[in-house]
Amino acid sequence: MVRVSERLLILVQSVVLLLRGSEVGKSPTPGHLIDVEPPVERRKSKPAQPALSVVPPKEQAKRLVAWLQGDVSGSSVVSAEVFSGRMLARDVERQHRELCAEMGWKPQPWRLVGRELSLLISGGTKRWVWIVDPASGEKHRLRVYNIPAPTPRTIQISRETPAAAVEPTPRRMTAWRKAA
C-alpha cells in the first residue's frame, strides 16, 4: 500500500510540474515538490434519527406496570397480552425496552428503572426464585417481579341525574322541601 501511495504522489507531482511549465525529464528540485496529503477515510454519516424524549425512571416504571397490565393508551400497539404474576427480570427488562421504543423514549438504565419498579410493586423488597435446568439439573437463582393483576375499571353510565346534582343547596332548600 505504501508503494502505491508513493507512486501516486510522484505521479501527481509530475502532473503539477507539467502544468506549471517545468521541463519534462528533469527531476524536480525539492522546492518544486508539493505537499499532498494522503486521502482521509470519511465515515459514513448515519441518517438523522428523531430526538427521543427523556422520561424519569419513576415515570417509566409506572408506565411499564400499566403497559404490562394491558393498558396501551398512548401507544399505537394494540396488545391483547396482559401480564400479571411472577415475571423474570430479564423478561420485564425486554418489555421495558419495547415500551421505550414504542413510546419514543430514551430508555433509562435498567438498574434505575428496576429499583423504581421494585419500590412501586413490592415496597423495595427483592423477590428471587430457584429454577432447575431440566437438561443439566443445575439450580439457578433468578430475580422476579410480581406484577399485580390489573384492576377493573368500571364506568357507571346512568341516564338519570347524578345524586350530586340533586343535593339541596341553600337557594333550593325550599324547593327541596316542597318536592319531598
Foldseek 3Di string as FASTA:
>chain_A
DVVVVVVVQLVVLLVVCVVVPDDPPDDDDPVSRDDDDDDDDDDDDDPDDDQAAEDDLLVLLVVLLCVLLQPQPQFPDRDPHHDFFKDFPVVSVVSSVVVSVRNRHDRDDPVRNVQSNCCVQPNRDWDWDWDADPVPRDIDITTIGGRHHDDDDDDDDDPDDDPVVVDDDVVCVVVNVVVD
